[in-house]
Amino acid sequence: LSSPISPLLTPRDKQRERQPAVKTSRDEFMTLKHIAANLASRGKESEALKTYTRALRLMRNDLSKIKKNMKNALESTIASMQTQLCQAWVEVASEIAEIRTTMAILSERTGDYESAIKSCEEARIVYQSYANLKRKVMMDNKDDNDNQLEQMEHMLERLALAKASYSDRKLLHQEAVHVKRRISSEVDPDVKEELYDQLFNLLATVLELEQDSIGKIHPQVADTIAIIAQVHADRDELEDSLETM
């Protein structure tokens, strides 16, 4: 039976209760996160990934500090300190999972599927660790992070498909670019029309492959659709261009 008597706290214990459980690098982290997001929005994926990596390093250091303090706090009678550390862990871990998910998306854009899958796997591990922490420390069996775990599993499956089809998709796009260049320099109308047929077939093939492997709402699918619409527009086929979009 638990005692209704509160543990006697010394003045030093009370002072520790009022202090933050762990001093984190949140301000510096948020600055780097903002810079990285801005770079990504301007299409500078490589620079954004480097900046996110710096932010990630800060959060990992903070997480190590929190874990070290949590080992001592579990044996402490100061419940508030345990709660503060758990909350601090959750906040930092959530930031790490969010960044790794974003890095997975950016790595995929650059065609670096190995890094994308690695980022996604780490995000999944963090979400799973959060669930374990709630069960062991917070005594909470409610799986409210099931959605995040399911999303990571789905993302890993999609990345595996995208990785498998990447070479074929890249080759088809390169062939389409080559045909477009031939069209721009061709003077014979009949040959030019044959090249346009070839181009539409290539783009239709890559579009179908992209929709099957990376999903219909993926940015790359939107880019391919825009290319097809632009080819129709170049041929003054405005209705077809609008229908494609």
C-alpha atoms as a PDB file:
ATOM      1  CA  LEU A   1       0.000   0.000   0.000  1.00  0.00           C
ATOM      2  CA  SER A   2       1.245   3.466  -0.820  1.00  0.00           C
ATOM      3  CA  SER A   3       1.639   5.880   2.012  1.00  0.00           C
ATOM      4  CA  PRO A   4      -0.519   9.044   2.014  1.00  0.00           C
ATOM      5  CA  ILE A   5       2.371  10.916   3.569  1.00  0.00           C
ATOM      6  CA  SER A   6       4.369  12.992   1.103  1.00  0.00           C
ATOM      7  CA  PRO A   7       8.119  12.387   1.139  1.00  0.00           C
ATOM      8  CA  LEU A   8      10.042  14.946   3.188  1.00  0.00           C
ATOM      9  CA  LEU A   9      11.969  17.223   0.839  1.00  0.00           C
ATOM     10  CA  THR A  10      15.101  19.053   1.862  1.00  0.00           C
ATOM     11  CA  PRO A  11      15.611  22.694   0.757  1.00  0.00           C
ATOM     12  CA  ARG A  12      18.063  21.406  -1.834  1.00  0.00           C
ATOM     13  CA  ASP A  13      15.444  18.992  -3.215  1.00  0.00           C
ATOM     14  CA  LYS A  14      12.908  21.804  -3.463  1.00  0.00           C
ATOM     15  CA  GLN A  15      15.392  23.930  -5.362  1.00  0.00           C
ATOM     16  CA  ARG A  16      16.014  21.041  -7.786  1.00  0.00           C
ATOM     17  CA  GLU A  17      12.255  20.707  -8.332  1.00  0.00           C
ATOM     18  CA  ARG A  18      11.987  24.335  -9.485  1.00  0.00           C
ATOM     19  CA  GLN A  19      14.874  24.021 -11.960  1.00  0.00           C
ATOM     20  CA  PRO A  20      14.466  22.652 -15.505  1.00  0.00           C
ATOM     21  CA  ALA A  21      15.214  18.946 -15.603  1.00  0.00           C
ATOM     22  CA  VAL A  22      17.694  19.367 -18.467  1.00  0.00           C
ATOM     23  CA  LYS A  23      19.018  22.428 -20.203  1.00  0.00           C
ATOM     24  CA  THR A  24      18.460  21.831 -23.929  1.00  0.00           C
ATOM     25  CA  SER A  25      19.645  23.461 -27.169  1.00  0.00           C
ATOM     26  CA  ARG A  26      16.105  24.228 -28.308  1.00  0.00           C
ATOM     27  CA  ASP A  27      16.694  27.861 -29.343  1.00  0.00           C
ATOM     28  CA  GLU A  28      19.646  27.004 -31.563  1.00  0.00           C
ATOM     29  CA  PHE A  29      17.782  23.966 -32.861  1.00  0.00           C
ATOM     30  CA  MET A  30      14.699  26.003 -33.829  1.00  0.00           C
ATOM     31  CA  THR A  31      16.891  28.508 -35.701  1.00  0.00           C
ATOM     32  CA  LEU A  32      18.531  25.733 -37.712  1.00  0.00           C
ATOM     33  CA  LYS A  33      15.167  24.082 -38.348  1.00  0.00           C
ATOM     34  CA  HIS A  34      13.758  27.344 -39.722  1.00  0.00           C
ATOM     35  CA  ILE A  35      16.794  27.854 -41.981  1.00  0.00           C
ATOM     36  CA  ALA A  36      16.556  24.283 -43.286  1.00  0.00           C
ATOM     37  CA  ALA A  37      12.830  24.591 -44.014  1.00  0.00           C
ATOM     38  CA  ASN A  38      13.477  27.810 -45.928  1.00  0.00           C
ATOM     39  CA  LEU A  39      16.207  26.158 -48.009  1.00  0.00           C
ATOM     40  CA  ALA A  40      13.948  23.198 -48.782  1.00  0.00           C
ATOM     41  CA  SER A  41      11.116  25.503 -49.887  1.00  0.00           C
ATOM     42  CA  ARG A  42      13.515  27.069 -52.419  1.00  0.00           C
ATOM     43  CA  GLY A  43      14.496  23.717 -53.878  1.00  0.00           C
ATOM     44  CA  LYS A  44      17.906  23.588 -52.188  1.00  0.00           C
ATOM     45  CA  GLU A  45      17.515  20.059 -50.852  1.00  0.00           C
ATOM     46  CA  SER A  46      21.227  19.310 -50.352  1.00  0.00           C
ATOM     47  CA  GLU A  47      21.811  22.458 -48.285  1.00  0.00           C
ATOM     48  CA  ALA A  48      18.620  21.832 -46.331  1.00  0.00           C
ATOM     49  CA  LEU A  49      19.733  18.277 -45.520  1.00  0.00           C
ATOM     50  CA  LYS A  50      23.089  19.532 -44.213  1.00  0.00           C
ATOM     51  CA  THR A  51      21.339  22.065 -41.984  1.00  0.00           C
ATOM     52  CA  TYR A  52      18.850  19.488 -40.718  1.00  0.00           C
ATOM     53  CA  THR A  53      21.805  17.225 -39.891  1.00  0.00           C
ATOM     54  CA  ARG A  54      23.293  19.963 -37.707  1.00  0.00           C
ATOM     55  CA  ALA A  55      19.947  20.408 -35.945  1.00  0.00           C
ATOM     56  CA  LEU A  56      19.651  16.656 -35.526  1.00  0.00           C
ATOM     57  CA  ARG A  57      23.068  16.520 -33.859  1.00  0.00           C
ATOM     58  CA  LEU A  58      21.902  19.039 -31.249  1.00  0.00           C
ATOM     59  CA  MET A  59      18.753  17.061 -30.492  1.00  0.00           C
ATOM     60  CA  ARG A  60      20.675  13.799 -30.175  1.00  0.00           C
ATOM     61  CA  ASN A  61      23.039  15.412 -27.673  1.00  0.00           C
ATOM     62  CA  ASP A  62      20.065  16.675 -25.689  1.00  0.00           C
ATOM     63  CA  LEU A  63      18.463  13.235 -25.786  1.00  0.00           C
ATOM     64  CA  SER A  64      21.649  11.663 -24.402  1.00  0.00           C
ATOM     65  CA  LYS A  65      21.645  14.121 -21.494  1.00  0.00           C
ATOM     66  CA  ILE A  66      18.006  13.402 -20.740  1.00  0.00           C
ATOM     67  CA  LYS A  67      18.500   9.630 -20.849  1.00  0.00           C
ATOM     68  CA  LYS A  68      21.430   9.918 -18.436  1.00  0.00           C
ATOM     69  CA  ASN A  69      19.364  11.955 -15.987  1.00  0.00           C
ATOM     70  CA  MET A  70      16.367   9.653 -16.355  1.00  0.00           C
ATOM     71  CA  LYS A  71      18.354   6.730 -14.958  1.00  0.00           C
ATOM     72  CA  ASN A  72      18.946   8.701 -11.743  1.00  0.00           C
ATOM     73  CA  ALA A  73      15.420  10.104 -11.657  1.00  0.00           C
ATOM     74  CA  LEU A  74      13.834   6.659 -11.689  1.00  0.00           C
ATOM     75  CA  GLU A  75      15.375   6.019  -8.269  1.00  0.00           C
ATOM     76  CA  SER A  76      14.443   9.472  -6.966  1.00  0.00           C
ATOM     77  CA  THR A  77      11.473  10.250  -4.730  1.00  0.00           C
ATOM     78  CA  ILE A  78      10.905  13.526  -6.548  1.00  0.00           C
ATOM     79  CA  ALA A  79       8.013  12.672  -8.849  1.00  0.00           C
ATOM     80  CA  SER A  80       8.000  16.064 -10.527  1.00  0.00           C
ATOM     81  CA  MET A  81      11.574  15.561 -11.725  1.00  0.00           C
ATOM     82  CA  GLN A  82      10.638  12.231 -13.277  1.00  0.00           C
ATOM     83  CA  THR A  83       7.685  13.852 -15.033  1.00  0.00           C
ATOM     84  CA  GLN A  84       9.815  16.757 -16.308  1.00  0.00           C
ATOM     85  CA  LEU A  85      12.418  14.403 -17.726  1.00  0.00           C
ATOM     86  CA  CYS A  86       9.801  12.238 -19.428  1.00  0.00           C
ATOM     87  CA  GLN A  87       8.180  15.302 -20.957  1.00  0.00           C
ATOM     88  CA  ALA A  88      11.574  16.625 -22.067  1.00  0.00           C
ATOM     89  CA  TRP A  89      12.365  13.254 -23.666  1.00  0.00           C
ATOM     90  CA  VAL A  90       9.055  13.211 -25.519  1.00  0.00           C
ATOM     91  CA  GLU A  91       9.562  16.765 -26.844  1.00  0.00           C
ATOM     92  CA  VAL A  92      13.100  16.110 -28.078  1.00  0.00           C
ATOM     93  CA  ALA A  93      12.256  12.680 -29.490  1.00  0.00           C
ATOM     94  CA  SER A  94       9.264  14.138 -31.355  1.00  0.00           C
ATOM     95  CA  GLU A  95      11.511  16.764 -32.952  1.00  0.00           C
ATOM     96  CA  ILE A  96      13.997  14.069 -34.003  1.00  0.00           C
ATOM     97  CA  ALA A  97      11.245  11.932 -35.526  1.00  0.00           C
ATOM     98  CA  GLU A  98       9.798  14.937 -37.379  1.00  0.00           C
ATOM     99  CA  ILE A  99      13.191  15.972 -38.753  1.00  0.00           C
ATOM    100  CA  ARG A 100      14.056  12.448 -39.864  1.00  0.00           C
ATOM    101  CA  THR A 101      10.720  12.180 -41.654  1.00  0.00           C
ATOM    102  CA  THR A 102      11.398  15.476 -43.434  1.00  0.00           C
ATOM    103  CA  MET A 103      14.924  14.355 -44.301  1.00  0.00           C
ATOM    104  CA  ALA A 104      13.510  11.145 -45.774  1.00  0.00           C
ATOM    105  CA  ILE A 105      11.293  13.197 -48.094  1.00  0.00           C
ATOM    106  CA  LEU A 106      14.159  15.495 -49.131  1.00  0.00           C
ATOM    107  CA  SER A 107      16.546  12.571 -49.695  1.00  0.00           C
ATOM    108  CA  GLU A 108      13.949  10.918 -51.906  1.00  0.00           C
ATOM    109  CA  ARG A 109      13.707  14.087 -53.987  1.00  0.00           C
ATOM    110  CA  THR A 110      17.443  13.902 -54.670  1.00  0.00           C
ATOM    111  CA  GLY A 111      17.228  10.205 -55.544  1.00  0.00           C
ATOM    112  CA  ASP A 112      19.186   9.124 -52.451  1.00  0.00           C
ATOM    113  CA  TYR A 113      16.887   6.288 -51.408  1.00  0.00           C
ATOM    114  CA  GLU A 114      19.393   4.703 -49.031  1.00  0.00           C
ATOM    115  CA  SER A 115      19.433   7.879 -46.916  1.00  0.00           C
ATOM    116  CA  ALA A 116      15.666   8.257 -47.239  1.00  0.00           C
ATOM    117  CA  ILE A 117      15.054   4.741 -45.920  1.00  0.00           C
ATOM    118  CA  LYS A 118      17.609   5.223 -43.119  1.00  0.00           C
ATOM    119  CA  SER A 119      15.888   8.452 -42.016  1.00  0.00           C
ATOM    120  CA  CYS A 120      12.475   6.806 -42.081  1.00  0.00           C
ATOM    121  CA  GLU A 121      13.709   3.826 -40.076  1.00  0.00           C
ATOM    122  CA  GLU A 122      15.113   6.091 -37.359  1.00  0.00           C
ATOM    123  CA  ALA A 123      11.830   7.985 -37.146  1.00  0.00           C
ATOM    124  CA  ARG A 124      10.027   4.663 -36.696  1.00  0.00           C
ATOM    125  CA  ILE A 125      12.438   3.626 -33.912  1.00  0.00           C
ATOM    126  CA  VAL A 126      11.864   6.920 -32.092  1.00  0.00           C
ATOM    127  CA  TYR A 127       8.082   6.520 -32.228  1.00  0.00           C
ATOM    128  CA  GLN A 128       8.404   2.956 -30.950  1.00  0.00           C
ATOM    129  CA  SER A 129      10.684   4.103 -28.116  1.00  0.00           C
ATOM    130  CA  TYR A 130       8.080   6.678 -27.158  1.00  0.00           C
ATOM    131  CA  ALA A 131       5.463   3.945 -26.881  1.00  0.00           C
ATOM    132  CA  ASN A 132       7.802   1.856 -24.722  1.00  0.00           C
ATOM    133  CA  LEU A 133       8.555   4.815 -22.454  1.00  0.00           C
ATOM    134  CA  LYS A 134       4.865   5.448 -21.874  1.00  0.00           C
ATOM    135  CA  ARG A 135       4.286   1.846 -20.905  1.00  0.00           C
ATOM    136  CA  LYS A 136       7.303   1.477 -18.616  1.00  0.00           C
ATOM    137  CA  VAL A 137       7.663   4.915 -17.038  1.00  0.00           C
ATOM    138  CA  MET A 138       4.374   6.733 -17.474  1.00  0.00           C
ATOM    139  CA  MET A 139       2.318   3.580 -16.885  1.00  0.00           C
ATOM    140  CA  ASP A 140       0.212   4.448 -19.923  1.00  0.00           C
ATOM    141  CA  ASN A 141      -0.736   1.655 -22.310  1.00  0.00           C
ATOM    142  CA  LYS A 142      -2.723   3.885 -24.648  1.00  0.00           C
ATOM    143  CA  ASP A 143      -1.186   3.580 -28.132  1.00  0.00           C
ATOM    144  CA  ASP A 144      -1.911   7.094 -29.368  1.00  0.00           C
ATOM    145  CA  ASN A 145       1.189   7.027 -31.575  1.00  0.00           C
ATOM    146  CA  ASP A 146      -0.057   4.070 -33.617  1.00  0.00           C
ATOM    147  CA  ASN A 147      -0.835   6.462 -36.476  1.00  0.00           C
ATOM    148  CA  GLN A 148       2.771   7.653 -36.621  1.00  0.00           C
ATOM    149  CA  LEU A 149       4.092   4.107 -36.586  1.00  0.00           C
ATOM    150  CA  GLU A 150       1.671   3.072 -39.325  1.00  0.00           C
ATOM    151  CA  GLN A 151       2.697   6.099 -41.387  1.00  0.00           C
ATOM    152  CA  MET A 152       6.371   5.157 -41.039  1.00  0.00           C
ATOM    153  CA  GLU A 153       5.648   1.572 -42.075  1.00  0.00           C
ATOM    154  CA  HIS A 154       3.680   2.796 -45.083  1.00  0.00           C
ATOM    155  CA  MET A 155       6.430   5.257 -45.976  1.00  0.00           C
ATOM    156  CA  LEU A 156       9.091   2.536 -45.793  1.00  0.00           C
ATOM    157  CA  GLU A 157       7.048   0.302 -48.094  1.00  0.00           C
ATOM    158  CA  ARG A 158       6.569   3.167 -50.548  1.00  0.00           C
ATOM    159  CA  LEU A 159      10.276   4.055 -50.461  1.00  0.00           C
ATOM    160  CA  ALA A 160      11.194   0.442 -51.206  1.00  0.00           C
ATOM    161  CA  LEU A 161       8.936   0.485 -54.290  1.00  0.00           C
ATOM    162  CA  ALA A 162      10.257   3.893 -55.338  1.00  0.00           C
ATOM    163  CA  LYS A 163      13.851   2.735 -54.954  1.00  0.00           C
ATOM    164  CA  ALA A 164      13.184  -0.365 -57.073  1.00  0.00           C
ATOM    165  CA  SER A 165      11.689   1.708 -59.905  1.00  0.00           C
ATOM    166  CA  TYR A 166      14.034   4.706 -59.681  1.00  0.00           C
ATOM    167  CA  SER A 167      16.488   3.613 -62.382  1.00  0.00           C
ATOM    168  CA  ASP A 168      13.703   2.867 -64.869  1.00  0.00           C
ATOM    169  CA  ARG A 169      11.925   6.130 -64.123  1.00  0.00           C
ATOM    170  CA  LYS A 170      15.130   8.129 -64.458  1.00  0.00           C
ATOM    171  CA  LEU A 171      15.991   6.448 -67.780  1.00  0.00           C
ATOM    172  CA  LEU A 172      12.515   7.164 -69.215  1.00  0.00           C
ATOM    173  CA  HIS A 173      12.764  10.833 -68.251  1.00  0.00           C
ATOM    174  CA  GLN A 174      16.220  11.061 -69.835  1.00  0.00           C
ATOM    175  CA  GLU A 175      14.885   9.519 -73.038  1.00  0.00           C
ATOM    176  CA  ALA A 176      11.992  12.003 -73.017  1.00  0.00           C
ATOM    177  CA  VAL A 177      14.426  14.922 -72.693  1.00  0.00           C
ATOM    178  CA  HIS A 178      16.469  13.534 -75.590  1.00  0.00           C
ATOM    179  CA  VAL A 179      13.357  13.238 -77.802  1.00  0.00           C
ATOM    180  CA  LYS A 180      12.284  16.803 -76.913  1.00  0.00           C
ATOM    181  CA  ARG A 181      15.674  18.074 -78.068  1.00  0.00           C
ATOM    182  CA  ARG A 182      15.310  16.203 -81.349  1.00  0.00           C
ATOM    183  CA  ILE A 183      11.848  17.722 -81.824  1.00  0.00           C
ATOM    184  CA  SER A 184      13.170  21.263 -81.351  1.00  0.00           C
ATOM    185  CA  SER A 185      15.762  20.764 -84.106  1.00  0.00           C
ATOM    186  CA  GLU A 186      13.643  18.690 -86.530  1.00  0.00           C
ATOM    187  CA  VAL A 187      12.305  20.464 -89.626  1.00  0.00           C
ATOM    188  CA  ASP A 188      10.451  17.623 -91.345  1.00  0.00           C
ATOM    189  CA  PRO A 189       6.795  17.769 -90.147  1.00  0.00           C
ATOM    190  CA  ASP A 190       6.225  14.034 -90.555  1.00  0.00           C
ATOM    191  CA  VAL A 191       9.335  13.102 -88.595  1.00  0.00           C
ATOM    192  CA  LYS A 192       8.451  15.704 -86.010  1.00  0.00           C
ATOM    193  CA  GLU A 193       5.000  14.164 -85.558  1.00  0.00           C
ATOM    194  CA  GLU A 194       6.549  10.720 -85.105  1.00  0.00           C
ATOM    195  CA  LEU A 195       8.855  12.141 -82.450  1.00  0.00           C
ATOM    196  CA  TYR A 196       5.884  13.692 -80.642  1.00  0.00           C
ATOM    197  CA  ASP A 197       4.162  10.304 -80.621  1.00  0.00           C
ATOM    198  CA  GLN A 198       7.315   8.783 -79.171  1.00  0.00           C
ATOM    199  CA  LEU A 199       7.504  11.518 -76.546  1.00  0.00           C
ATOM    200  CA  PHE A 200       3.885  11.083 -75.443  1.00  0.00           C
ATOM    201  CA  ASN A 201       4.393   7.320 -75.172  1.00  0.00           C
ATOM    202  CA  LEU A 202       7.508   7.781 -73.023  1.00  0.00           C
ATOM    203  CA  LEU A 203       5.778  10.270 -70.727  1.00  0.00           C
ATOM    204  CA  ALA A 204       2.673   8.101 -70.420  1.00  0.00           C
ATOM    205  CA  THR A 205       4.835   5.098 -69.514  1.00  0.00           C
ATOM    206  CA  VAL A 206       6.829   6.959 -66.864  1.00  0.00           C
ATOM    207  CA  LEU A 207       3.671   8.535 -65.447  1.00  0.00           C
ATOM    208  CA  GLU A 208       2.032   5.144 -65.002  1.00  0.00           C
ATOM    209  CA  LEU A 209       5.206   3.764 -63.414  1.00  0.00           C
ATOM    210  CA  GLU A 210       5.426   6.725 -61.034  1.00  0.00           C
ATOM    211  CA  GLN A 211       1.795   6.482 -59.994  1.00  0.00           C
ATOM    212  CA  ASP A 212       2.212   2.769 -59.244  1.00  0.00           C
ATOM    213  CA  SER A 213       5.518   3.087 -57.358  1.00  0.00           C
ATOM    214  CA  ILE A 214       5.507   6.464 -55.582  1.00  0.00           C
ATOM    215  CA  GLY A 215       1.791   7.336 -55.486  1.00  0.00           C
ATOM    216  CA  LYS A 216      -0.507   9.661 -57.380  1.00  0.00           C
ATOM    217  CA  ILE A 217      -0.008  12.597 -55.000  1.00  0.00           C
ATOM    218  CA  HIS A 218       3.804  12.532 -55.130  1.00  0.00           C
ATOM    219  CA  PRO A 219       5.447  15.807 -56.333  1.00  0.00           C
ATOM    220  CA  GLN A 220       7.300  13.926 -59.078  1.00  0.00           C
ATOM    221  CA  VAL A 221       3.974  12.733 -60.498  1.00  0.00           C
ATOM    222  CA  ALA A 222       2.760  16.337 -60.548  1.00  0.00           C
ATOM    223  CA  ASP A 223       5.962  17.356 -62.375  1.00  0.00           C
ATOM    224  CA  THR A 224       5.452  14.683 -65.043  1.00  0.00           C
ATOM    225  CA  ILE A 225       1.826  15.712 -65.538  1.00  0.00           C
ATOM    226  CA  ALA A 226       2.977  19.320 -65.930  1.00  0.00           C
ATOM    227  CA  ILE A 227       5.501  18.229 -68.589  1.00  0.00           C
ATOM    228  CA  ILE A 228       2.785  16.419 -70.558  1.00  0.00           C
ATOM    229  CA  ALA A 229       0.499  19.459 -70.304  1.00  0.00           C
ATOM    230  CA  GLN A 230       3.295  21.718 -71.520  1.00  0.00           C
ATOM    231  CA  VAL A 231       3.966  19.502 -74.549  1.00  0.00           C
ATOM    232  CA  HIS A 232       0.277  19.764 -75.496  1.00  0.00           C
ATOM    233  CA  ALA A 233       0.467  23.536 -75.027  1.00  0.00           C
ATOM    234  CA  ASP A 234       3.542  23.717 -77.287  1.00  0.00           C
ATOM    235  CA  ARG A 235       1.427  22.013 -79.970  1.00  0.00           C
ATOM    236  CA  ASP A 236      -1.395  24.521 -79.406  1.00  0.00           C
ATOM    237  CA  GLU A 237      -3.557  21.707 -78.021  1.00  0.00           C
ATOM    238  CA  LEU A 238      -4.935  23.863 -75.228  1.00  0.00           C
ATOM    239  CA  GLU A 239      -7.931  21.661 -74.415  1.00  0.00           C
ATOM    240  CA  ASP A 240      -5.703  18.608 -74.063  1.00  0.00           C
ATOM    241  CA  SER A 241      -3.297  20.624 -71.948  1.00  0.00           C
ATOM    242  CA  LEU A 242      -6.058  21.703 -69.567  1.00  0.00           C
ATOM    243  CA  GLU A 243      -7.513  18.172 -69.377  1.00  0.00           C
ATOM    244  CA  THR A 244      -4.077  16.786 -68.512  1.00  0.00           C
ATOM    245  CA  MET A 245      -3.739  19.210 -65.601  1.00  0.00           C
END
